[in-house]
């Protein structure tokens, strides 16, 4: 049986893409995050958010949908029952007895 990976999603609020040392910011003192990227992690230097407001942007990140697809346009339009959510999918897949993750 293959061991399942541990997944940590670090999604800070209101950070620009250049605030970490490993992307070249000499003023940033982020040794732990820099080391994690070097050994186990992934860092997206050119990632873009779908919305300038945090809640719609996170809804997009968690569902994989653009913010306008199901009306996640403002702080007051949260995820609704029945919509796909990355964290729920990972949790469900973690309960399966097979060693292969399959996403619905």
PDB file of N, CA and C in Angstrom:
ATOM      1  N   UNK A   1       0.840  -1.180   0.000  1.00  0.00           N
ATOM      2  CA  UNK A   1       0.000   0.000   0.000  1.00  0.00           C
ATOM      3  C   UNK A   1       0.892   1.253   0.000  1.00  0.00           C
ATOM      4  N   UNK A   2       0.611   2.162  -0.870  1.00  0.00           N
ATOM      5  CA  UNK A   2       1.355   3.402  -0.970  1.00  0.00           C
ATOM      6  C   UNK A   2       0.893   4.376   0.110  1.00  0.00           C
ATOM      7  N   UNK A   3       1.859   4.994   0.767  1.00  0.00           N
ATOM      8  CA  UNK A   3       1.521   5.973   1.798  1.00  0.00           C
ATOM      9  C   UNK A   3       0.989   7.242   1.146  1.00  0.00           C
ATOM     10  N   UNK A   4      -0.079   7.776   1.685  1.00  0.00           N
ATOM     11  CA  UNK A   4      -0.670   9.000   1.146  1.00  0.00           C
ATOM     12  C   UNK A   4       0.135  10.217   1.568  1.00  0.00           C
ATOM     13  N   UNK A   5       0.191  11.209   0.713  1.00  0.00           N
ATOM     14  CA  UNK A   5       0.975  12.405   1.051  1.00  0.00           C
ATOM     15  C   UNK A   5       0.256  13.287   2.074  1.00  0.00           C
ATOM     16  N   UNK A   6       1.039  14.003   2.823  1.00  0.00           N
ATOM     17  CA  UNK A   6       0.491  15.049   3.684  1.00  0.00           C
ATOM     18  C   UNK A   6       0.456  16.312   2.837  1.00  0.00           C
ATOM     19  N   UNK A   7      -0.668  16.985   2.830  1.00  0.00           N
ATOM     20  CA  UNK A   7      -0.828  18.178   2.012  1.00  0.00           C
ATOM     21  C   UNK A   7      -1.090  19.363   2.928  1.00  0.00           C
ATOM     22  N   UNK A   8      -0.262  20.381   2.795  1.00  0.00           N
ATOM     23  CA  UNK A   8      -0.448  21.618   3.532  1.00  0.00           C
ATOM     24  C   UNK A   8      -0.654  22.717   2.508  1.00  0.00           C
ATOM     25  N   UNK A   9      -1.766  23.412   2.622  1.00  0.00           N
ATOM     26  CA  UNK A   9      -2.045  24.531   1.722  1.00  0.00           C
ATOM     27  C   UNK A   9      -1.849  25.804   2.530  1.00  0.00           C
ATOM     28  N   UNK A  10      -0.866  26.572   2.144  1.00  0.00           N
ATOM     29  CA  UNK A  10      -0.553  27.830   2.815  1.00  0.00           C
ATOM     30  C   UNK A  10      -1.038  28.944   1.911  1.00  0.00           C
ATOM     31  N   UNK A  11      -2.110  29.589   2.315  1.00  0.00           N
ATOM     32  CA  UNK A  11      -2.754  30.597   1.489  1.00  0.00           C
ATOM     33  C   UNK A  11      -2.867  31.897   2.286  1.00  0.00           C
ATOM     34  N   UNK A  12      -1.767  32.654   2.386  1.00  0.00           N
ATOM     35  CA  UNK A  12      -1.803  33.879   3.196  1.00  0.00           C
ATOM     36  C   UNK A  12      -2.661  34.957   2.555  1.00  0.00           C
ATOM     37  N   UNK A  13      -3.173  35.811   3.382  1.00  0.00           N
ATOM     38  CA  UNK A  13      -4.030  36.893   2.918  1.00  0.00           C
ATOM     39  C   UNK A  13      -3.200  38.155   2.703  1.00  0.00           C
ATOM     40  N   UNK A  14      -3.398  38.811   1.591  1.00  0.00           N
ATOM     41  CA  UNK A  14      -2.823  40.100   1.268  1.00  0.00           C
ATOM     42  C   UNK A  14      -1.305  40.090   1.141  1.00  0.00           C
ATOM     43  N   UNK A  15      -0.769  39.052   0.564  1.00  0.00           N
ATOM     44  CA  UNK A  15       0.660  39.006   0.237  1.00  0.00           C
ATOM     45  C   UNK A  15       0.818  39.142  -1.260  1.00  0.00           C
ATOM     46  N   UNK A  16       1.789  39.917  -1.655  1.00  0.00           N
ATOM     47  CA  UNK A  16       2.157  39.957  -3.071  1.00  0.00           C
ATOM     48  C   UNK A  16       3.064  38.765  -3.339  1.00  0.00           C
ATOM     49  N   UNK A  17       3.241  38.454  -4.595  1.00  0.00           N
ATOM     50  CA  UNK A  17       4.053  37.307  -4.970  1.00  0.00           C
ATOM     51  C   UNK A  17       5.538  37.468  -4.725  1.00  0.00           C
ATOM     52  N   UNK A  18       5.987  38.678  -4.411  1.00  0.00           N
ATOM     53  CA  UNK A  18       7.418  38.898  -4.239  1.00  0.00           C
ATOM     54  C   UNK A  18       7.826  39.144  -2.789  1.00  0.00           C
ATOM     55  N   UNK A  19       7.028  38.700  -1.829  1.00  0.00           N
ATOM     56  CA  UNK A  19       7.346  38.981  -0.432  1.00  0.00           C
ATOM     57  C   UNK A  19       8.139  37.870   0.248  1.00  0.00           C
ATOM     58  N   UNK A  20       8.638  36.935  -0.497  1.00  0.00           N
ATOM     59  CA  UNK A  20       9.397  35.817   0.067  1.00  0.00           C
ATOM     60  C   UNK A  20      10.845  35.863  -0.389  1.00  0.00           C
ATOM     61  N   UNK A  21      11.721  35.372   0.466  1.00  0.00           N
ATOM     62  CA  UNK A  21      13.135  35.381   0.140  1.00  0.00           C
ATOM     63  C   UNK A  21      13.488  34.533  -1.058  1.00  0.00           C
ATOM     64  N   UNK A  22      12.844  33.377  -1.219  1.00  0.00           N
ATOM     65  CA  UNK A  22      13.229  32.473  -2.310  1.00  0.00           C
ATOM     66  C   UNK A  22      12.847  32.985  -3.704  1.00  0.00           C
ATOM     67  N   UNK A  23      12.044  34.034  -3.776  1.00  0.00           N
ATOM     68  CA  UNK A  23      11.734  34.629  -5.083  1.00  0.00           C
ATOM     69  C   UNK A  23      12.580  35.864  -5.353  1.00  0.00           C
ATOM     70  N   UNK A  24      13.568  36.091  -4.481  1.00  0.00           N
ATOM     71  CA  UNK A  24      14.523  37.153  -4.744  1.00  0.00           C
ATOM     72  C   UNK A  24      14.383  38.411  -3.927  1.00  0.00           C
ATOM     73  N   UNK A  25      13.459  38.448  -2.983  1.00  0.00           N
ATOM     74  CA  UNK A  25      13.301  39.640  -2.160  1.00  0.00           C
ATOM     75  C   UNK A  25      14.359  39.622  -1.053  1.00  0.00           C
ATOM     76  N   UNK A  26      15.370  40.450  -1.179  1.00  0.00           N
ATOM     77  CA  UNK A  26      16.469  40.468  -0.207  1.00  0.00           C
ATOM     78  C   UNK A  26      16.035  41.020   1.143  1.00  0.00           C
ATOM     79  N   UNK A  27      14.963  41.785   1.192  1.00  0.00           N
ATOM     80  CA  UNK A  27      14.481  42.342   2.459  1.00  0.00           C
ATOM     81  C   UNK A  27      13.624  41.341   3.235  1.00  0.00           C
ATOM     82  N   UNK A  28      13.136  40.316   2.573  1.00  0.00           N
ATOM     83  CA  UNK A  28      12.266  39.330   3.225  1.00  0.00           C
ATOM     84  C   UNK A  28      13.109  38.334   4.008  1.00  0.00           C
ATOM     85  N   UNK A  29      12.725  38.105   5.243  1.00  0.00           N
ATOM     86  CA  UNK A  29      13.395  37.119   6.078  1.00  0.00           C
ATOM     87  C   UNK A  29      12.389  35.996   6.306  1.00  0.00           C
ATOM     88  N   UNK A  30      12.402  35.018   5.410  1.00  0.00           N
ATOM     89  CA  UNK A  30      11.433  33.913   5.456  1.00  0.00           C
ATOM     90  C   UNK A  30      12.158  32.568   5.330  1.00  0.00           C
ATOM     91  N   UNK A  31      13.092  32.267   6.240  1.00  0.00           N
ATOM     92  CA  UNK A  31      13.912  31.069   6.078  1.00  0.00           C
ATOM     93  C   UNK A  31      13.126  29.765   6.114  1.00  0.00           C
ATOM     94  N   UNK A  32      12.087  29.682   6.933  1.00  0.00           N
ATOM     95  CA  UNK A  32      11.326  28.427   7.021  1.00  0.00           C
ATOM     96  C   UNK A  32      10.538  28.159   5.740  1.00  0.00           C
ATOM     97  N   UNK A  33       9.865  29.177   5.220  1.00  0.00           N
ATOM     98  CA  UNK A  33       9.130  29.004   3.966  1.00  0.00           C
ATOM     99  C   UNK A  33      10.090  28.745   2.808  1.00  0.00           C
ATOM    100  N   UNK A  34      11.216  29.436   2.785  1.00  0.00           N
ATOM    101  CA  UNK A  34      12.206  29.232   1.723  1.00  0.00           C
ATOM    102  C   UNK A  34      12.733  27.798   1.750  1.00  0.00           C
ATOM    103  N   UNK A  35      13.023  27.292   2.948  1.00  0.00           N
ATOM    104  CA  UNK A  35      13.528  25.918   3.088  1.00  0.00           C
ATOM    105  C   UNK A  35      12.469  24.897   2.663  1.00  0.00           C
ATOM    106  N   UNK A  36      11.208  25.156   3.020  1.00  0.00           N
ATOM    107  CA  UNK A  36      10.142  24.234   2.640  1.00  0.00           C
ATOM    108  C   UNK A  36      10.023  24.140   1.120  1.00  0.00           C
ATOM    109  N   UNK A  37      10.142  25.271   0.438  1.00  0.00           N
ATOM    110  CA  UNK A  37      10.070  25.272  -1.030  1.00  0.00           C
ATOM    111  C   UNK A  37      11.232  24.497  -1.621  1.00  0.00           C
ATOM    112  N   UNK A  38      12.408  24.605  -1.019  1.00  0.00           N
ATOM    113  CA  UNK A  38      13.591  23.904  -1.522  1.00  0.00           C
ATOM    114  C   UNK A  38      13.494  22.396  -1.343  1.00  0.00           C
ATOM    115  N   UNK A  39      12.835  21.928  -0.278  1.00  0.00           N
ATOM    116  CA  UNK A  39      12.839  20.499   0.042  1.00  0.00           C
ATOM    117  C   UNK A  39      11.553  19.771  -0.356  1.00  0.00           C
ATOM    118  N   UNK A  40      10.390  20.291   0.045  1.00  0.00           N
ATOM    119  CA  UNK A  40       9.143  19.551  -0.152  1.00  0.00           C
ATOM    120  C   UNK A  40       8.052  20.326  -0.855  1.00  0.00           C
ATOM    121  N   UNK A  41       8.158  21.619  -0.889  1.00  0.00           N
ATOM    122  CA  UNK A  41       7.029  22.441  -1.289  1.00  0.00           C
ATOM    123  C   UNK A  41       7.035  22.891  -2.728  1.00  0.00           C
ATOM    124  N   UNK A  42       5.990  23.585  -3.049  1.00  0.00           N
ATOM    125  CA  UNK A  42       5.821  24.190  -4.361  1.00  0.00           C
ATOM    126  C   UNK A  42       5.462  25.648  -4.133  1.00  0.00           C
ATOM    127  N   UNK A  43       6.069  26.523  -4.890  1.00  0.00           N
ATOM    128  CA  UNK A  43       5.778  27.939  -4.794  1.00  0.00           C
ATOM    129  C   UNK A  43       5.408  28.435  -6.183  1.00  0.00           C
ATOM    130  N   UNK A  44       4.342  29.190  -6.257  1.00  0.00           N
ATOM    131  CA  UNK A  44       3.878  29.698  -7.542  1.00  0.00           C
ATOM    132  C   UNK A  44       4.277  31.163  -7.678  1.00  0.00           C
ATOM    133  N   UNK A  45       5.307  31.415  -8.435  1.00  0.00           N
ATOM    134  CA  UNK A  45       5.820  32.770  -8.610  1.00  0.00           C
ATOM    135  C   UNK A  45       4.864  33.620  -9.440  1.00  0.00           C
ATOM    136  N   UNK A  46       4.201  33.047 -10.411  1.00  0.00           N
ATOM    137  CA  UNK A  46       3.336  33.796 -11.321  1.00  0.00           C
ATOM    138  C   UNK A  46       1.887  33.351 -11.212  1.00  0.00           C
ATOM    139  N   UNK A  47       1.402  33.127 -10.014  1.00  0.00           N
ATOM    140  CA  UNK A  47       0.001  32.770  -9.805  1.00  0.00           C
ATOM    141  C   UNK A  47      -0.848  34.036  -9.769  1.00  0.00           C
ATOM    142  N   UNK A  48      -2.058  33.923 -10.219  1.00  0.00           N
ATOM    143  CA  UNK A  48      -2.971  35.070 -10.247  1.00  0.00           C
ATOM    144  C   UNK A  48      -4.271  34.687  -9.560  1.00  0.00           C
ATOM    145  N   UNK A  49      -4.862  35.617  -8.841  1.00  0.00           N
ATOM    146  CA  UNK A  49      -6.146  35.349  -8.205  1.00  0.00           C
ATOM    147  C   UNK A  49      -7.268  35.737  -9.157  1.00  0.00           C
ATOM    148  N   UNK A  50      -8.422  35.138  -8.949  1.00  0.00           N
ATOM    149  CA  UNK A  50      -9.566  35.363  -9.831  1.00  0.00           C
ATOM    150  C   UNK A  50     -10.362  36.610  -9.469  1.00  0.00           C
ATOM    151  N   UNK A  51     -10.134  37.146  -8.280  1.00  0.00           N
ATOM    152  CA  UNK A  51     -10.913  38.293  -7.827  1.00  0.00           C
ATOM    153  C   UNK A  51     -10.063  39.100  -6.853  1.00  0.00           C
ATOM    154  N   UNK A  52     -10.241  40.388  -6.819  1.00  0.00           N
ATOM    155  CA  UNK A  52      -9.466  41.220  -5.904  1.00  0.00           C
ATOM    156  C   UNK A  52      -9.952  41.135  -4.471  1.00  0.00           C
ATOM    157  N   UNK A  53     -11.143  40.614  -4.252  1.00  0.00           N
ATOM    158  CA  UNK A  53     -11.702  40.449  -2.913  1.00  0.00           C
ATOM    159  C   UNK A  53     -11.410  39.023  -2.446  1.00  0.00           C
ATOM    160  N   UNK A  54     -11.046  38.860  -1.162  1.00  0.00           N
ATOM    161  CA  UNK A  54     -10.549  37.572  -0.682  1.00  0.00           C
ATOM    162  C   UNK A  54     -11.577  36.435  -0.745  1.00  0.00           C
ATOM    163  N   UNK A  55     -12.830  36.651  -0.342  1.00  0.00           N
ATOM    164  CA  UNK A  55     -13.800  35.553  -0.316  1.00  0.00           C
ATOM    165  C   UNK A  55     -14.081  34.989  -1.707  1.00  0.00           C
ATOM    166  N   UNK A  56     -14.396  35.792  -2.707  1.00  0.00           N
ATOM    167  CA  UNK A  56     -14.590  35.227  -4.037  1.00  0.00           C
ATOM    168  C   UNK A  56     -13.333  34.544  -4.578  1.00  0.00           C
ATOM    169  N   UNK A  57     -12.175  35.116  -4.289  1.00  0.00           N
ATOM    170  CA  UNK A  57     -10.928  34.514  -4.747  1.00  0.00           C
ATOM    171  C   UNK A  57     -10.731  33.138  -4.126  1.00  0.00           C
ATOM    172  N   UNK A  58     -11.015  33.003  -2.843  1.00  0.00           N
ATOM    173  CA  UNK A  58     -10.875  31.696  -2.182  1.00  0.00           C
ATOM    174  C   UNK A  58     -11.930  30.710  -2.672  1.00  0.00           C
ATOM    175  N   UNK A  59     -13.141  31.183  -2.925  1.00  0.00           N
ATOM    176  CA  UNK A  59     -14.166  30.298  -3.495  1.00  0.00           C
ATOM    177  C   UNK A  59     -13.691  29.740  -4.831  1.00  0.00           C
ATOM    178  N   UNK A  60     -13.067  30.575  -5.638  1.00  0.00           N
ATOM    179  CA  UNK A  60     -12.539  30.143  -6.928  1.00  0.00           C
ATOM    180  C   UNK A  60     -11.423  29.129  -6.737  1.00  0.00           C
ATOM    181  N   UNK A  61     -10.521  29.403  -5.818  1.00  0.00           N
ATOM    182  CA  UNK A  61      -9.400  28.508  -5.535  1.00  0.00           C
ATOM    183  C   UNK A  61      -9.892  27.147  -5.052  1.00  0.00           C
ATOM    184  N   UNK A  62     -10.883  27.149  -4.178  1.00  0.00           N
ATOM    185  CA  UNK A  62     -11.371  25.897  -3.596  1.00  0.00           C
ATOM    186  C   UNK A  62     -12.275  25.107  -4.538  1.00  0.00           C
ATOM    187  N   UNK A  63     -12.973  25.782  -5.442  1.00  0.00           N
ATOM    188  CA  UNK A  63     -13.909  25.076  -6.326  1.00  0.00           C
ATOM    189  C   UNK A  63     -13.322  24.787  -7.706  1.00  0.00           C
ATOM    190  N   UNK A  64     -12.366  25.613  -8.125  1.00  0.00           N
ATOM    191  CA  UNK A  64     -11.849  25.490  -9.482  1.00  0.00           C
ATOM    192  C   UNK A  64     -12.687  26.242 -10.497  1.00  0.00           C
ATOM    193  N   UNK A  65     -13.691  26.971 -10.038  1.00  0.00           N
ATOM    194  CA  UNK A  65     -14.579  27.730 -10.914  1.00  0.00           C
ATOM    195  C   UNK A  65     -14.195  29.202 -10.900  1.00  0.00           C
ATOM    196  N   UNK A  66     -14.451  29.885 -11.999  1.00  0.00           N
ATOM    197  CA  UNK A  66     -14.345  31.339 -12.001  1.00  0.00           C
ATOM    198  C   UNK A  66     -15.398  31.896 -11.051  1.00  0.00           C
ATOM    199  N   UNK A  67     -15.157  33.067 -10.512  1.00  0.00           N
ATOM    200  CA  UNK A  67     -16.052  33.626  -9.495  1.00  0.00           C
ATOM    201  C   UNK A  67     -17.456  33.912 -10.025  1.00  0.00           C
ATOM    202  N   UNK A  68     -17.606  34.151 -11.302  1.00  0.00           N
ATOM    203  CA  UNK A  68     -18.929  34.480 -11.851  1.00  0.00           C
ATOM    204  C   UNK A  68     -19.769  33.240 -12.178  1.00  0.00           C
ATOM    205  N   UNK A  69     -19.188  32.050 -12.160  1.00  0.00           N
ATOM    206  CA  UNK A  69     -19.909  30.841 -12.576  1.00  0.00           C
ATOM    207  C   UNK A  69     -21.118  30.565 -11.686  1.00  0.00           C
ATOM    208  N   UNK A  70     -20.953  30.697 -10.379  1.00  0.00           N
ATOM    209  CA  UNK A  70     -22.061  30.453  -9.452  1.00  0.00           C
ATOM    210  C   UNK A  70     -22.308  31.632  -8.525  1.00  0.00           C
ATOM    211  N   UNK A  71     -21.900  32.816  -8.949  1.00  0.00           N
ATOM    212  CA  UNK A  71     -22.241  34.016  -8.211  1.00  0.00           C
ATOM    213  C   UNK A  71     -21.363  34.347  -7.023  1.00  0.00           C
ATOM    214  N   UNK A  72     -20.153  33.831  -6.985  1.00  0.00           N
ATOM    215  CA  UNK A  72     -19.237  34.153  -5.878  1.00  0.00           C
ATOM    216  C   UNK A  72     -18.506  35.448  -6.203  1.00  0.00           C
ATOM    217  N   UNK A  73     -19.230  36.551  -6.133  1.00  0.00           N
ATOM    218  CA  UNK A  73     -18.668  37.833  -6.573  1.00  0.00           C
ATOM    219  C   UNK A  73     -18.332  38.786  -5.442  1.00  0.00           C
ATOM    220  N   UNK A  74     -18.872  38.589  -4.261  1.00  0.00           N
ATOM    221  CA  UNK A  74     -18.621  39.518  -3.158  1.00  0.00           C
ATOM    222  C   UNK A  74     -18.314  38.732  -1.886  1.00  0.00           C
ATOM    223  N   UNK A  75     -18.035  39.456  -0.821  1.00  0.00           N
ATOM    224  CA  UNK A  75     -17.742  38.835   0.482  1.00  0.00           C
ATOM    225  C   UNK A  75     -18.942  38.071   1.033  1.00  0.00           C
ATOM    226  N   UNK A  76     -20.141  38.332   0.529  1.00  0.00           N
ATOM    227  CA  UNK A  76     -21.353  37.746   1.095  1.00  0.00           C
ATOM    228  C   UNK A  76     -21.841  36.517   0.330  1.00  0.00           C
ATOM    229  N   UNK A  77     -21.117  36.075  -0.652  1.00  0.00           N
ATOM    230  CA  UNK A  77     -21.508  34.909  -1.441  1.00  0.00           C
ATOM    231  C   UNK A  77     -20.521  33.775  -1.198  1.00  0.00           C
ATOM    232  N   UNK A  78     -20.772  33.031  -0.142  1.00  0.00           N
ATOM    233  CA  UNK A  78     -19.903  31.931   0.269  1.00  0.00           C
ATOM    234  C   UNK A  78     -20.221  30.666  -0.529  1.00  0.00           C
ATOM    235  N   UNK A  79     -19.414  29.635  -0.315  1.00  0.00           N
ATOM    236  CA  UNK A  79     -19.665  28.346  -0.951  1.00  0.00           C
ATOM    237  C   UNK A  79     -20.995  27.800  -0.433  1.00  0.00           C
ATOM    238  N   UNK A  80     -21.730  27.148  -1.329  1.00  0.00           N
ATOM    239  CA  UNK A  80     -23.028  26.590  -0.979  1.00  0.00           C
ATOM    240  C   UNK A  80     -22.972  25.063  -1.001  1.00  0.00           C
ATOM    241  N   UNK A  81     -23.937  24.475  -0.344  1.00  0.00           N
ATOM    242  CA  UNK A  81     -24.052  23.019  -0.298  1.00  0.00           C
ATOM    243  C   UNK A  81     -24.073  22.456  -1.710  1.00  0.00           C
ATOM    244  N   UNK A  82     -23.330  21.411  -1.947  1.00  0.00           N
ATOM    245  CA  UNK A  82     -23.332  20.763  -3.245  1.00  0.00           C
ATOM    246  C   UNK A  82     -22.269  21.260  -4.210  1.00  0.00           C
ATOM    247  N   UNK A  83     -21.621  22.370  -3.906  1.00  0.00           N
ATOM    248  CA  UNK A  83     -20.553  22.861  -4.768  1.00  0.00           C
ATOM    249  C   UNK A  83     -19.255  22.122  -4.430  1.00  0.00           C
ATOM    250  N   UNK A  84     -18.409  21.886  -5.424  1.00  0.00           N
ATOM    251  CA  UNK A  84     -17.162  21.169  -5.140  1.00  0.00           C
ATOM    252  C   UNK A  84     -16.222  22.039  -4.307  1.00  0.00           C
ATOM    253  N   UNK A  85     -15.614  21.430  -3.314  1.00  0.00           N
ATOM    254  CA  UNK A  85     -14.666  22.132  -2.456  1.00  0.00           C
ATOM    255  C   UNK A  85     -13.417  21.255  -2.345  1.00  0.00           C
ATOM    256  N   UNK A  86     -12.276  21.800  -2.690  1.00  0.00           N
ATOM    257  CA  UNK A  86     -11.027  21.040  -2.675  1.00  0.00           C
ATOM    258  C   UNK A  86     -10.783  20.344  -1.349  1.00  0.00           C
ATOM    259  N   UNK A  87     -10.978  21.033  -0.241  1.00  0.00           N
ATOM    260  CA  UNK A  87     -10.709  20.434   1.066  1.00  0.00           C
ATOM    261  C   UNK A  87     -11.635  19.256   1.350  1.00  0.00           C
ATOM    262  N   UNK A  88     -12.899  19.362   0.981  1.00  0.00           N
ATOM    263  CA  UNK A  88     -13.832  18.246   1.167  1.00  0.00           C
ATOM    264  C   UNK A  88     -13.422  17.059   0.299  1.00  0.00           C
ATOM    265  N   UNK A  89     -13.005  17.348  -0.928  1.00  0.00           N
ATOM    266  CA  UNK A  89     -12.570  16.286  -1.837  1.00  0.00           C
ATOM    267  C   UNK A  89     -11.356  15.565  -1.273  1.00  0.00           C
ATOM    268  N   UNK A  90     -10.388  16.299  -0.773  1.00  0.00           N
ATOM    269  CA  UNK A  90      -9.206  15.674  -0.183  1.00  0.00           C
ATOM    270  C   UNK A  90      -9.566  14.850   1.045  1.00  0.00           C
ATOM    271  N   UNK A  91     -10.476  15.355   1.863  1.00  0.00           N
ATOM    272  CA  UNK A  91     -10.907  14.626   3.053  1.00  0.00           C
ATOM    273  C   UNK A  91     -11.593  13.323   2.667  1.00  0.00           C
ATOM    274  N   UNK A  92     -12.477  13.391   1.684  1.00  0.00           N
ATOM    275  CA  UNK A  92     -13.180  12.193   1.216  1.00  0.00           C
ATOM    276  C   UNK A  92     -12.204  11.178   0.644  1.00  0.00           C
ATOM    277  N   UNK A  93     -11.261  11.636  -0.154  1.00  0.00           N
ATOM    278  CA  UNK A  93     -10.279  10.735  -0.744  1.00  0.00           C
ATOM    279  C   UNK A  93      -9.386  10.112   0.318  1.00  0.00           C
ATOM    280  N   UNK A  94      -9.141  10.811   1.397  1.00  0.00           N
ATOM    281  CA  UNK A  94      -8.319  10.286   2.476  1.00  0.00           C
ATOM    282  C   UNK A  94      -8.974   9.144   3.218  1.00  0.00           C
ATOM    283  N   UNK A  95     -10.289   9.027   3.124  1.00  0.00           N
ATOM    284  CA  UNK A  95     -11.027   7.955   3.801  1.00  0.00           C
ATOM    285  C   UNK A  95     -11.091   6.679   2.980  1.00  0.00           C
ATOM    286  N   UNK A  96     -10.795   6.777   1.688  1.00  0.00           N
ATOM    287  CA  UNK A  96     -10.924   5.608   0.817  1.00  0.00           C
ATOM    288  C   UNK A  96      -9.872   4.570   1.161  1.00  0.00           C
ATOM    289  N   UNK A  97     -10.195   3.325   0.952  1.00  0.00           N
ATOM    290  CA  UNK A  97      -9.271   2.251   1.310  1.00  0.00           C
ATOM    291  C   UNK A  97      -8.211   2.003   0.254  1.00  0.00           C
ATOM    292  N   UNK A  98      -8.430   2.435  -0.980  1.00  0.00           N
ATOM    293  CA  UNK A  98      -7.427   2.211  -2.007  1.00  0.00           C
ATOM    294  C   UNK A  98      -6.260   3.176  -1.828  1.00  0.00           C
ATOM    295  N   UNK A  99      -5.133   2.856  -2.424  1.00  0.00           N
ATOM    296  CA  UNK A  99      -3.952   3.697  -2.273  1.00  0.00           C
ATOM    297  C   UNK A  99      -3.874   4.779  -3.328  1.00  0.00           C
ATOM    298  N   UNK A 100      -4.822   4.824  -4.237  1.00  0.00           N
ATOM    299  CA  UNK A 100      -4.808   5.818  -5.302  1.00  0.00           C
ATOM    300  C   UNK A 100      -5.881   6.867  -5.048  1.00  0.00           C
ATOM    301  N   UNK A 101      -5.501   8.118  -5.117  1.00  0.00           N
ATOM    302  CA  UNK A 101      -6.488   9.187  -4.979  1.00  0.00           C
ATOM    303  C   UNK A 101      -7.228   9.355  -6.290  1.00  0.00           C
ATOM    304  N   UNK A 102      -8.534   9.312  -6.222  1.00  0.00           N
ATOM    305  CA  UNK A 102      -9.344   9.595  -7.409  1.00  0.00           C
ATOM    306  C   UNK A 102     -10.286  10.706  -7.032  1.00  0.00           C
ATOM    307  N   UNK A 103     -10.332  11.723  -7.864  1.00  0.00           N
ATOM    308  CA  UNK A 103     -11.157  12.879  -7.565  1.00  0.00           C
ATOM    309  C   UNK A 103     -12.452  12.806  -8.346  1.00  0.00           C
ATOM    310  N   UNK A 104     -13.579  13.095  -7.670  1.00  0.00           N
ATOM    311  CA  UNK A 104     -14.877  13.040  -8.346  1.00  0.00           C
ATOM    312  C   UNK A 104     -15.003  14.107  -9.399  1.00  0.00           C
TER     313      UNK A 104
END
